[in-house]
PDB file of N, CA and C in Angstrom:
ATOM      1  N   MET A   1     -34.761  13.836 -13.430  1.00  0.00           N
ATOM      2  CA  MET A   1     -34.198  13.511 -13.790  1.00  0.00           C
ATOM      3  C   MET A   1     -35.258  12.506 -13.876  1.00  0.00           C
ATOM      4  N   ALA A   2     -34.828  11.002 -14.795  1.00  0.00           N
ATOM      5  CA  ALA A   2     -35.644  10.340 -14.855  1.00  0.00           C
ATOM      6  C   ALA A   2     -35.496   8.990 -13.974  1.00  0.00           C
ATOM      7  N   ARG A   3     -36.749   8.479 -13.435  1.00  0.00           N
ATOM      8  CA  ARG A   3     -36.738   7.363 -12.386  1.00  0.00           C
ATOM      9  C   ARG A   3     -35.600   6.169 -12.751  1.00  0.00           C
ATOM     10  N   ASP A   4     -35.717   6.151 -14.253  1.00  0.00           N
ATOM     11  CA  ASP A   4     -34.749   4.643 -14.457  1.00  0.00           C
ATOM     12  C   ASP A   4     -32.947   4.806 -14.285  1.00  0.00           C
ATOM     13  N   VAL A   5     -32.574   5.971 -14.252  1.00  0.00           N
ATOM     14  CA  VAL A   5     -31.229   5.900 -13.708  1.00  0.00           C
ATOM     15  C   VAL A   5     -30.601   5.439 -11.889  1.00  0.00           C
ATOM     16  N   PHE A   6     -32.045   5.160 -11.344  1.00  0.00           N
ATOM     17  CA  PHE A   6     -32.026   4.580 -10.399  1.00  0.00           C
ATOM     18  C   PHE A   6     -32.200   3.179  -9.986  1.00  0.00           C
ATOM     19  N   GLU A   7     -33.472   3.115 -11.234  1.00  0.00           N
ATOM     20  CA  GLU A   7     -32.860   1.223 -11.476  1.00  0.00           C
ATOM     21  C   GLU A   7     -31.792   1.052 -11.978  1.00  0.00           C
ATOM     22  N   VAL A   8     -31.342   1.275 -13.001  1.00  0.00           N
ATOM     23  CA  VAL A   8     -29.905   1.475 -13.599  1.00  0.00           C
ATOM     24  C   VAL A   8     -28.851   0.813 -12.375  1.00  0.00           C
ATOM     25  N   LEU A   9     -28.758   1.893 -11.446  1.00  0.00           N
ATOM     26  CA  LEU A   9     -27.460   2.048 -10.287  1.00  0.00           C
ATOM     27  C   LEU A   9     -27.870   1.205  -9.728  1.00  0.00           C
ATOM     28  N   ALA A  10     -28.987   0.330  -9.442  1.00  0.00           N
ATOM     29  CA  ALA A  10     -29.806  -0.737  -8.304  1.00  0.00           C
ATOM     30  C   ALA A  10     -28.804  -1.602  -8.551  1.00  0.00           C
ATOM     31  N   ASP A  11     -28.249  -2.257  -9.274  1.00  0.00           N
ATOM     32  CA  ASP A  11     -27.727  -2.848  -9.910  1.00  0.00           C
ATOM     33  C   ASP A  11     -26.637  -2.819  -9.715  1.00  0.00           C
ATOM     34  N   PRO A  12     -25.752  -3.730  -8.366  1.00  0.00           N
ATOM     35  CA  PRO A  12     -24.726  -4.153  -7.680  1.00  0.00           C
ATOM     36  C   PRO A  12     -23.446  -3.863  -9.476  1.00  0.00           C
ATOM     37  N   THR A  13     -23.275  -4.740 -10.525  1.00  0.00           N
ATOM     38  CA  THR A  13     -22.603  -5.088 -11.303  1.00  0.00           C
ATOM     39  C   THR A  13     -22.453  -3.886 -12.173  1.00  0.00           C
ATOM     40  N   ARG A  14     -23.421  -2.993 -12.347  1.00  0.00           N
ATOM     41  CA  ARG A  14     -23.749  -1.924 -13.015  1.00  0.00           C
ATOM     42  C   ARG A  14     -22.619  -1.047 -11.404  1.00  0.00           C
ATOM     43  N   ARG A  15     -22.756  -0.581 -10.879  1.00  0.00           N
ATOM     44  CA  ARG A  15     -21.904   0.161 -10.055  1.00  0.00           C
ATOM     45  C   ARG A  15     -20.633  -0.145 -10.028  1.00  0.00           C
ATOM     46  N   ARG A  16     -20.638  -1.763 -10.453  1.00  0.00           N
ATOM     47  CA  ARG A  16     -19.140  -1.953  -9.934  1.00  0.00           C
ATOM     48  C   ARG A  16     -17.837  -1.366 -11.264  1.00  0.00           C
ATOM     49  N   ILE A  17     -18.884  -1.255 -12.264  1.00  0.00           N
ATOM     50  CA  ILE A  17     -18.197  -0.870 -13.771  1.00  0.00           C
ATOM     51  C   ILE A  17     -18.224   0.280 -13.751  1.00  0.00           C
ATOM     52  N   LEU A  18     -19.154   0.953 -13.301  1.00  0.00           N
ATOM     53  CA  LEU A  18     -18.810   2.923 -12.779  1.00  0.00           C
ATOM     54  C   LEU A  18     -17.735   2.726 -11.816  1.00  0.00           C
ATOM     55  N   ASP A  19     -17.723   2.121 -10.917  1.00  0.00           N
ATOM     56  CA  ASP A  19     -15.895   2.093  -9.621  1.00  0.00           C
ATOM     57  C   ASP A  19     -15.186   2.151 -10.904  1.00  0.00           C
ATOM     58  N   LEU A  20     -14.920   0.747 -11.444  1.00  0.00           N
ATOM     59  CA  LEU A  20     -14.179   1.096 -12.457  1.00  0.00           C
ATOM     60  C   LEU A  20     -13.850   2.629 -13.342  1.00  0.00           C
ATOM     61  N   LEU A  21     -14.636   2.124 -14.155  1.00  0.00           N
ATOM     62  CA  LEU A  21     -14.607   3.807 -14.902  1.00  0.00           C
ATOM     63  C   LEU A  21     -13.929   5.111 -14.290  1.00  0.00           C
ATOM     64  N   ARG A  22     -14.031   5.232 -12.350  1.00  0.00           N
ATOM     65  CA  ARG A  22     -13.483   6.075 -11.877  1.00  0.00           C
ATOM     66  C   ARG A  22     -12.440   6.382 -12.303  1.00  0.00           C
ATOM     67  N   GLU A  23     -11.483   5.532 -12.721  1.00  0.00           N
ATOM     68  CA  GLU A  23     -10.155   5.049 -12.553  1.00  0.00           C
ATOM     69  C   GLU A  23      -9.576   5.298 -14.518  1.00  0.00           C
ATOM     70  N   GLY A  24     -10.948   5.216 -14.875  1.00  0.00           N
ATOM     71  CA  GLY A  24     -10.381   6.062 -16.374  1.00  0.00           C
ATOM     72  C   GLY A  24     -11.117   5.016 -17.345  1.00  0.00           C
ATOM     73  N   GLU A  25     -10.620   5.472 -18.845  1.00  0.00           N
ATOM     74  CA  GLU A  25     -11.628   4.960 -19.676  1.00  0.00           C
ATOM     75  C   GLU A  25     -11.241   3.687 -19.811  1.00  0.00           C
ATOM     76  N   ARG A  26     -12.122   2.800 -20.571  1.00  0.00           N
ATOM     77  CA  ARG A  26     -12.031   0.926 -19.973  1.00  0.00           C
ATOM     78  C   ARG A  26     -12.744   0.169 -21.602  1.00  0.00           C
ATOM     79  N   THR A  27     -11.783  -0.655 -22.157  1.00  0.00           N
ATOM     80  CA  THR A  27     -12.870  -1.215 -23.256  1.00  0.00           C
ATOM     81  C   THR A  27     -13.571  -2.156 -22.581  1.00  0.00           C
ATOM     82  N   VAL A  28     -14.360  -2.849 -23.234  1.00  0.00           N
ATOM     83  CA  VAL A  28     -14.982  -3.853 -23.273  1.00  0.00           C
ATOM     84  C   VAL A  28     -14.119  -5.303 -22.357  1.00  0.00           C
ATOM     85  N   GLY A  29     -13.039  -5.322 -23.241  1.00  0.00           N
ATOM     86  CA  GLY A  29     -12.438  -6.619 -22.440  1.00  0.00           C
ATOM     87  C   GLY A  29     -12.005  -6.364 -21.845  1.00  0.00           C
ATOM     88  N   ASP A  30     -11.391  -4.785 -21.368  1.00  0.00           N
ATOM     89  CA  ASP A  30     -10.772  -4.957 -19.984  1.00  0.00           C
ATOM     90  C   ASP A  30     -11.714  -4.682 -18.540  1.00  0.00           C
ATOM     91  N   LEU A  31     -12.912  -4.466 -19.322  1.00  0.00           N
ATOM     92  CA  LEU A  31     -14.168  -5.066 -17.482  1.00  0.00           C
ATOM     93  C   LEU A  31     -14.481  -5.627 -17.815  1.00  0.00           C
ATOM     94  N   VAL A  32     -14.474  -6.762 -18.943  1.00  0.00           N
ATOM     95  CA  VAL A  32     -14.425  -8.634 -18.622  1.00  0.00           C
ATOM     96  C   VAL A  32     -13.859  -8.823 -18.068  1.00  0.00           C
ATOM     97  N   GLY A  33     -12.235  -8.526 -17.665  1.00  0.00           N
ATOM     98  CA  GLY A  33     -11.270  -9.510 -17.056  1.00  0.00           C
ATOM     99  C   GLY A  33     -11.451  -8.781 -15.670  1.00  0.00           C
ATOM    100  N   ALA A  34     -11.838  -7.394 -15.572  1.00  0.00           N
ATOM    101  CA  ALA A  34     -11.849  -7.330 -14.107  1.00  0.00           C
ATOM    102  C   ALA A  34     -13.025  -7.524 -13.416  1.00  0.00           C
ATOM    103  N   LEU A  35     -14.320  -7.804 -14.104  1.00  0.00           N
ATOM    104  CA  LEU A  35     -15.135  -8.398 -13.395  1.00  0.00           C
ATOM    105  C   LEU A  35     -15.447 -10.050 -13.214  1.00  0.00           C
ATOM    106  N   GLY A  36     -14.195 -10.553 -14.091  1.00  0.00           N
ATOM    107  CA  GLY A  36     -14.550 -11.929 -13.993  1.00  0.00           C
ATOM    108  C   GLY A  36     -16.103 -12.345 -14.734  1.00  0.00           C
ATOM    109  N   THR A  37     -16.972 -11.853 -15.380  1.00  0.00           N
ATOM    110  CA  THR A  37     -18.065 -12.451 -16.021  1.00  0.00           C
ATOM    111  C   THR A  37     -18.284 -12.112 -17.726  1.00  0.00           C
ATOM    112  N   ALA A  38     -18.552 -12.916 -18.327  1.00  0.00           N
ATOM    113  CA  ALA A  38     -18.793 -12.972 -19.487  1.00  0.00           C
ATOM    114  C   ALA A  38     -19.300 -11.723 -20.658  1.00  0.00           C
ATOM    115  N   GLN A  39     -18.324 -11.528 -21.447  1.00  0.00           N
ATOM    116  CA  GLN A  39     -18.738 -10.377 -22.413  1.00  0.00           C
ATOM    117  C   GLN A  39     -20.119 -10.422 -22.470  1.00  0.00           C
ATOM    118  N   PRO A  40     -21.221 -10.926 -22.914  1.00  0.00           N
ATOM    119  CA  PRO A  40     -22.409 -10.668 -23.225  1.00  0.00           C
ATOM    120  C   PRO A  40     -23.028  -9.654 -22.583  1.00  0.00           C
ATOM    121  N   ASN A  41     -22.804 -10.223 -20.680  1.00  0.00           N
ATOM    122  CA  ASN A  41     -22.971  -9.888 -19.835  1.00  0.00           C
ATOM    123  C   ASN A  41     -22.898  -8.273 -19.281  1.00  0.00           C
ATOM    124  N   VAL A  42     -21.868  -8.260 -19.728  1.00  0.00           N
ATOM    125  CA  VAL A  42     -21.137  -6.967 -19.604  1.00  0.00           C
ATOM    126  C   VAL A  42     -21.301  -6.149 -20.681  1.00  0.00           C
ATOM    127  N   SER A  43     -21.162  -6.452 -21.739  1.00  0.00           N
ATOM    128  CA  SER A  43     -22.044  -5.374 -22.945  1.00  0.00           C
ATOM    129  C   SER A  43     -23.428  -4.975 -22.312  1.00  0.00           C
ATOM    130  N   LYS A  44     -24.247  -6.425 -21.862  1.00  0.00           N
ATOM    131  CA  LYS A  44     -25.682  -6.074 -21.512  1.00  0.00           C
ATOM    132  C   LYS A  44     -25.912  -4.824 -20.253  1.00  0.00           C
ATOM    133  N   HIS A  45     -25.189  -4.822 -19.666  1.00  0.00           N
ATOM    134  CA  HIS A  45     -25.134  -4.078 -18.216  1.00  0.00           C
ATOM    135  C   HIS A  45     -24.584  -2.335 -18.594  1.00  0.00           C
ATOM    136  N   LEU A  46     -23.441  -2.273 -20.217  1.00  0.00           N
ATOM    137  CA  LEU A  46     -22.949  -1.079 -20.341  1.00  0.00           C
ATOM    138  C   LEU A  46     -24.012  -0.052 -21.284  1.00  0.00           C
ATOM    139  N   LYS A  47     -24.910  -1.637 -21.264  1.00  0.00           N
ATOM    140  CA  LYS A  47     -26.162  -0.724 -22.615  1.00  0.00           C
ATOM    141  C   LYS A  47     -27.115  -0.258 -21.820  1.00  0.00           C
ATOM    142  N   MET A  48     -27.319  -0.443 -20.918  1.00  0.00           N
ATOM    143  CA  MET A  48     -28.269  -0.054 -19.692  1.00  0.00           C
ATOM    144  C   MET A  48     -27.644   1.099 -19.536  1.00  0.00           C
ATOM    145  N   LEU A  49     -26.184   1.249 -18.650  1.00  0.00           N
ATOM    146  CA  LEU A  49     -25.650   1.876 -18.201  1.00  0.00           C
ATOM    147  C   LEU A  49     -25.690   3.576 -19.774  1.00  0.00           C
ATOM    148  N   ASP A  50     -25.368   3.241 -21.128  1.00  0.00           N
ATOM    149  CA  ASP A  50     -25.012   4.364 -21.775  1.00  0.00           C
ATOM    150  C   ASP A  50     -26.752   4.776 -21.671  1.00  0.00           C
ATOM    151  N   ALA A  51     -27.896   3.973 -21.799  1.00  0.00           N
ATOM    152  CA  ALA A  51     -29.219   4.528 -22.036  1.00  0.00           C
ATOM    153  C   ALA A  51     -29.601   5.705 -21.065  1.00  0.00           C
ATOM    154  N   ALA A  52     -29.242   5.113 -19.916  1.00  0.00           N
ATOM    155  CA  ALA A  52     -29.093   6.085 -18.706  1.00  0.00           C
ATOM    156  C   ALA A  52     -28.239   7.340 -19.051  1.00  0.00           C
ATOM    157  N   ALA A  53     -27.655   7.588 -20.196  1.00  0.00           N
ATOM    158  CA  ALA A  53     -26.271   8.216 -20.081  1.00  0.00           C
ATOM    159  C   ALA A  53     -25.327   8.683 -18.740  1.00  0.00           C
ATOM    160  N   LEU A  54     -24.928   7.204 -18.544  1.00  0.00           N
ATOM    161  CA  LEU A  54     -24.300   7.116 -17.111  1.00  0.00           C
ATOM    162  C   LEU A  54     -22.884   6.770 -17.595  1.00  0.00           C
ATOM    163  N   VAL A  55     -22.346   6.800 -19.518  1.00  0.00           N
ATOM    164  CA  VAL A  55     -21.251   6.799 -19.754  1.00  0.00           C
ATOM    165  C   VAL A  55     -21.489   6.989 -20.793  1.00  0.00           C
ATOM    166  N   ARG A  56     -19.892   6.998 -21.416  1.00  0.00           N
ATOM    167  CA  ARG A  56     -20.023   7.259 -22.955  1.00  0.00           C
ATOM    168  C   ARG A  56     -19.181   6.034 -23.673  1.00  0.00           C
ATOM    169  N   VAL A  57     -19.348   6.047 -24.908  1.00  0.00           N
ATOM    170  CA  VAL A  57     -18.886   5.548 -25.285  1.00  0.00           C
ATOM    171  C   VAL A  57     -17.949   5.913 -26.676  1.00  0.00           C
ATOM    172  N   ARG A  58     -16.646   5.584 -27.090  1.00  0.00           N
ATOM    173  CA  ARG A  58     -16.178   5.934 -27.850  1.00  0.00           C
ATOM    174  C   ARG A  58     -16.046   4.257 -28.902  1.00  0.00           C
ATOM    175  N   VAL A  59     -15.955   4.433 -30.051  1.00  0.00           N
ATOM    176  CA  VAL A  59     -15.716   3.511 -31.153  1.00  0.00           C
ATOM    177  C   VAL A  59     -14.560   3.641 -31.875  1.00  0.00           C
ATOM    178  N   ASP A  60     -13.499   2.605 -31.466  1.00  0.00           N
ATOM    179  CA  ASP A  60     -11.646   2.508 -32.296  1.00  0.00           C
ATOM    180  C   ASP A  60     -11.749   1.429 -32.975  1.00  0.00           C
ATOM    181  N   GLY A  61     -12.107   1.678 -34.328  1.00  0.00           N
ATOM    182  CA  GLY A  61     -12.205   0.392 -34.873  1.00  0.00           C
ATOM    183  C   GLY A  61     -12.969  -0.859 -34.290  1.00  0.00           C
ATOM    184  N   PRO A  62     -12.316  -1.702 -34.264  1.00  0.00           N
ATOM    185  CA  PRO A  62     -13.682  -3.053 -33.476  1.00  0.00           C
ATOM    186  C   PRO A  62     -13.981  -2.981 -32.346  1.00  0.00           C
ATOM    187  N   ARG A  63     -12.941  -1.805 -31.367  1.00  0.00           N
ATOM    188  CA  ARG A  63     -13.503  -1.816 -29.980  1.00  0.00           C
ATOM    189  C   ARG A  63     -14.290  -0.631 -29.453  1.00  0.00           C
ATOM    190  N   ARG A  64     -14.803  -0.767 -27.919  1.00  0.00           N
ATOM    191  CA  ARG A  64     -15.458   0.243 -27.956  1.00  0.00           C
ATOM    192  C   ARG A  64     -14.590   0.502 -26.560  1.00  0.00           C
ATOM    193  N   HIS A  65     -14.932   1.907 -26.633  1.00  0.00           N
ATOM    194  CA  HIS A  65     -14.364   2.485 -25.503  1.00  0.00           C
ATOM    195  C   HIS A  65     -14.827   3.244 -24.166  1.00  0.00           C
ATOM    196  N   TYR A  66     -15.830   2.704 -22.658  1.00  0.00           N
ATOM    197  CA  TYR A  66     -16.510   3.573 -22.378  1.00  0.00           C
ATOM    198  C   TYR A  66     -15.975   4.366 -20.861  1.00  0.00           C
ATOM    199  N   ALA A  67     -16.186   5.746 -20.611  1.00  0.00           N
ATOM    200  CA  ALA A  67     -15.951   5.998 -19.652  1.00  0.00           C
ATOM    201  C   ALA A  67     -17.256   6.516 -18.723  1.00  0.00           C
ATOM    202  N   LEU A  68     -17.096   7.643 -18.134  1.00  0.00           N
ATOM    203  CA  LEU A  68     -17.995   8.086 -17.372  1.00  0.00           C
ATOM    204  C   LEU A  68     -18.734   9.141 -17.791  1.00  0.00           C
ATOM    205  N   ASP A  69     -19.814   9.509 -17.910  1.00  0.00           N
ATOM    206  CA  ASP A  69     -20.974  10.807 -18.616  1.00  0.00           C
ATOM    207  C   ASP A  69     -20.493  11.752 -16.842  1.00  0.00           C
ATOM    208  N   PRO A  70     -19.702  12.737 -16.662  1.00  0.00           N
ATOM    209  CA  PRO A  70     -20.176  13.203 -15.816  1.00  0.00           C
ATOM    210  C   PRO A  70     -20.828  14.116 -15.178  1.00  0.00           C
ATOM    211  N   GLY A  71     -21.858  14.354 -16.761  1.00  0.00           N
ATOM    212  CA  GLY A  71     -23.268  15.273 -16.734  1.00  0.00           C
ATOM    213  C   GLY A  71     -24.215  14.849 -15.925  1.00  0.00           C
ATOM    214  N   ARG A  72     -24.489  13.561 -16.727  1.00  0.00           N
ATOM    215  CA  ARG A  72     -25.375  12.633 -15.656  1.00  0.00           C
ATOM    216  C   ARG A  72     -25.288  12.500 -14.051  1.00  0.00           C
ATOM    217  N   LEU A  73     -23.738  12.055 -13.809  1.00  0.00           N
ATOM    218  CA  LEU A  73     -23.635  12.096 -12.244  1.00  0.00           C
ATOM    219  C   LEU A  73     -24.183  12.963 -11.618  1.00  0.00           C
ATOM    220  N   ARG A  74     -23.598  14.598 -11.994  1.00  0.00           N
ATOM    221  CA  ARG A  74     -24.066  16.229 -11.182  1.00  0.00           C
ATOM    222  C   ARG A  74     -25.451  15.871 -11.102  1.00  0.00           C
ATOM    223  N   GLU A  75     -25.880  15.675 -11.886  1.00  0.00           N
ATOM    224  CA  GLU A  75     -27.474  15.336 -11.628  1.00  0.00           C
ATOM    225  C   GLU A  75     -28.034  14.770 -10.530  1.00  0.00           C
ATOM    226  N   ILE A  76     -27.687  13.827 -10.720  1.00  0.00           N
ATOM    227  CA  ILE A  76     -27.640  12.844  -9.156  1.00  0.00           C
ATOM    228  C   ILE A  76     -27.531  13.706  -8.551  1.00  0.00           C
ATOM    229  N   GLU A  77     -25.607  14.165  -8.579  1.00  0.00           N
ATOM    230  CA  GLU A  77     -25.501  14.891  -6.586  1.00  0.00           C
ATOM    231  C   GLU A  77     -26.210  15.609  -6.753  1.00  0.00           C
ATOM    232  N   ALA A  78     -26.196  16.878  -7.320  1.00  0.00           N
ATOM    233  CA  ALA A  78     -27.684  17.503  -6.551  1.00  0.00           C
ATOM    234  C   ALA A  78     -28.526  17.364  -6.619  1.00  0.00           C
ATOM    235  N   TRP A  79     -29.550  16.666  -6.840  1.00  0.00           N
ATOM    236  CA  TRP A  79     -31.082  15.482  -6.501  1.00  0.00           C
ATOM    237  C   TRP A  79     -30.215  15.181  -4.899  1.00  0.00           C
ATOM    238  N   LEU A  80     -29.527  14.903  -5.088  1.00  0.00           N
ATOM    239  CA  LEU A  80     -29.063  14.135  -3.408  1.00  0.00           C
ATOM    240  C   LEU A  80     -28.548  14.851  -2.623  1.00  0.00           C
ATOM    241  N   ALA A  81     -28.285  15.855  -3.062  1.00  0.00           N
ATOM    242  CA  ALA A  81     -27.635  17.389  -1.579  1.00  0.00           C
ATOM    243  C   ALA A  81     -28.157  17.586  -0.607  1.00  0.00           C
ATOM    244  N   PRO A  82     -29.537  17.963  -0.491  1.00  0.00           N
ATOM    245  CA  PRO A  82     -30.569  18.423   0.170  1.00  0.00           C
ATOM    246  C   PRO A  82     -30.795  16.866   1.258  1.00  0.00           C
ATOM    247  N   PHE A  83     -30.496  15.601   0.823  1.00  0.00           N
ATOM    248  CA  PHE A  83     -30.767  14.850   1.503  1.00  0.00           C
ATOM    249  C   PHE A  83     -29.390  14.464   2.814  1.00  0.00           C
ATOM    250  N   ARG A  84     -28.590  15.347   2.344  1.00  0.00           N
ATOM    251  CA  ARG A  84     -26.998  15.001   2.722  1.00  0.00           C
ATOM    252  C   ARG A  84     -27.174  16.003   3.714  1.00  0.00           C
ATOM    253  N   GLU A  85     -27.789  17.323   3.707  1.00  0.00           N
ATOM    254  CA  GLU A  85     -27.369  18.057   4.457  1.00  0.00           C
ATOM    255  C   GLU A  85     -28.779  17.639   5.895  1.00  0.00           C
ATOM    256  N   ILE A  86     -29.852  17.039   5.790  1.00  0.00           N
ATOM    257  CA  ILE A  86     -30.592  16.614   6.391  1.00  0.00           C
ATOM    258  C   ILE A  86     -30.034  15.537   7.127  1.00  0.00           C
ATOM    259  N   TRP A  87     -29.048  14.029   6.938  1.00  0.00           N
ATOM    260  CA  TRP A  87     -28.136  13.573   7.515  1.00  0.00           C
ATOM    261  C   TRP A  87     -26.762  14.363   8.325  1.00  0.00           C
ATOM    262  N   ALA A  88     -26.843  15.268   7.893  1.00  0.00           N
ATOM    263  CA  ALA A  88     -25.505  15.882   8.266  1.00  0.00           C
ATOM    264  C   ALA A  88     -26.526  16.565   9.450  1.00  0.00           C
ATOM    265  N   ASP A  89     -27.158  17.529   9.418  1.00  0.00           N
ATOM    266  CA  ASP A  89     -27.865  18.425  10.718  1.00  0.00           C
ATOM    267  C   ASP A  89     -27.956  17.163  12.092  1.00  0.00           C
ATOM    268  N   ARG A  90     -28.523  15.824  11.403  1.00  0.00           N
ATOM    269  CA  ARG A  90     -29.269  15.183  12.338  1.00  0.00           C
ATOM    270  C   ARG A  90     -27.804  14.398  13.185  1.00  0.00           C
ATOM    271  N   LEU A  91     -27.046  14.425  12.252  1.00  0.00           N
ATOM    272  CA  LEU A  91     -25.347  13.710  12.993  1.00  0.00           C
ATOM    273  C   LEU A  91     -24.889  14.915  13.595  1.00  0.00           C
ATOM    274  N   ASP A  92     -24.823  16.252  13.400  1.00  0.00           N
ATOM    275  CA  ASP A  92     -23.836  17.221  14.328  1.00  0.00           C
ATOM    276  C   ASP A  92     -25.331  16.765  15.753  1.00  0.00           C
ATOM    277  N   ASP A  93     -26.285  16.841  15.653  1.00  0.00           N
ATOM    278  CA  ASP A  93     -27.337  17.064  16.552  1.00  0.00           C
ATOM    279  C   ASP A  93     -26.852  15.654  17.713  1.00  0.00           C
ATOM    280  N   LEU A  94     -26.440  14.195  16.872  1.00  0.00           N
ATOM    281  CA  LEU A  94     -26.558  13.273  17.704  1.00  0.00           C
ATOM    282  C   LEU A  94     -25.000  13.438  18.751  1.00  0.00           C
ATOM    283  N   GLU A  95     -23.999  13.919  18.130  1.00  0.00           N
ATOM    284  CA  GLU A  95     -22.527  14.577  18.337  1.00  0.00           C
ATOM    285  C   GLU A  95     -22.868  15.120  19.696  1.00  0.00           C
ATOM    286  N   THR A  96     -23.725  16.138  19.729  1.00  0.00           N
ATOM    287  CA  THR A  96     -24.066  17.345  21.040  1.00  0.00           C
ATOM    288  C   THR A  96     -25.033  16.363  22.010  1.00  0.00           C
ATOM    289  N   TYR A  97     -25.555  15.584  21.614  1.00  0.00           N
ATOM    290  CA  TYR A  97     -26.181  14.689  22.415  1.00  0.00           C
ATOM    291  C   TYR A  97     -24.897  14.146  23.291  1.00  0.00           C
ATOM    292  N   LEU A  98     -24.477  13.558  22.707  1.00  0.00           N
ATOM    293  CA  LEU A  98     -23.448  12.593  22.976  1.00  0.00           C
ATOM    294  C   LEU A  98     -22.332  13.376  24.133  1.00  0.00           C
ATOM    295  N   ASP A  99     -22.477  14.008  23.388  1.00  0.00           N
ATOM    296  CA  ASP A  99     -20.852  15.480  24.201  1.00  0.00           C
ATOM    297  C   ASP A  99     -21.278  15.636  25.411  1.00  0.00           C
ATOM    298  N   THR A 100     -23.222  15.538  25.899  1.00  0.00           N
ATOM    299  CA  THR A 100     -23.574  15.764  27.193  1.00  0.00           C
ATOM    300  C   THR A 100     -23.831  14.710  28.046  1.00  0.00           C
ATOM    301  N   LEU A 101     -23.396  13.795  27.567  1.00  0.00           N
ATOM    302  CA  LEU A 101     -23.176  12.391  28.354  1.00  0.00           C
ATOM    303  C   LEU A 101     -22.089  12.536  29.444  1.00  0.00           C
ATOM    304  N   PRO A 102     -22.459  11.724  30.917  1.00  0.00           N
ATOM    305  CA  PRO A 102     -20.806  11.379  31.416  1.00  0.00           C
ATOM    306  C   PRO A 102     -20.183  10.636  30.693  1.00  0.00           C
ATOM    307  N   ASP A 103     -18.883  10.910  30.981  1.00  0.00           N
ATOM    308  CA  ASP A 103     -18.159   9.922  30.373  1.00  0.00           C
ATOM    309  C   ASP A 103     -18.549   8.871  32.064  1.00  0.00           C
ATOM    310  N   GLU A 104     -17.960   6.873  30.800  1.00  0.00           N
ATOM    311  CA  GLU A 104     -18.300   6.178  31.881  1.00  0.00           C
ATOM    312  C   GLU A 104     -16.727   5.926  32.211  1.00  0.00           C
ATOM    313  N   PRO A 105     -16.530   6.012  33.454  1.00  0.00           N
ATOM    314  CA  PRO A 105     -15.571   4.971  34.121  1.00  0.00           C
ATOM    315  C   PRO A 105     -14.566   4.326  33.229  1.00  0.00           C
ATOM    316  N   ALA A 106     -13.050   3.845  33.306  1.00  0.00           N
ATOM    317  CA  ALA A 106     -12.297   2.891  32.828  1.00  0.00           C
ATOM    318  C   ALA A 106     -12.215   2.299  33.740  1.00  0.00           C
ATOM    319  N   GLU A 107     -12.262   0.186  33.005  1.00  0.00           N
ATOM    320  CA  GLU A 107     -12.561  -0.765  33.919  1.00  0.00           C
ATOM    321  C   GLU A 107     -10.798  -1.030  34.478  1.00  0.00           C
TER     322      GLU A 107
END
């Protein structure tokens, strides 16, 4: 997996675009309205998401429709899985420890 995917995901506007696309395919105009950002800005972010293979583009006449590309997102998910396991184990250890503490009396 290329490092640039994480650089692309580091931007909050691009993450917001991905959140919006979770709801389904959207045109650039839809995204502009939802984000309250100028069209050139949105197009710049979409170009970066497309270059990182995080979105798919469908051209329908003058309109460009964007959708999530689940393939690349699955790669990210697979890469993150071992880290999630580490945190789950640590949270389980914390829960076990907290269960050993005496209950505090109610005031």
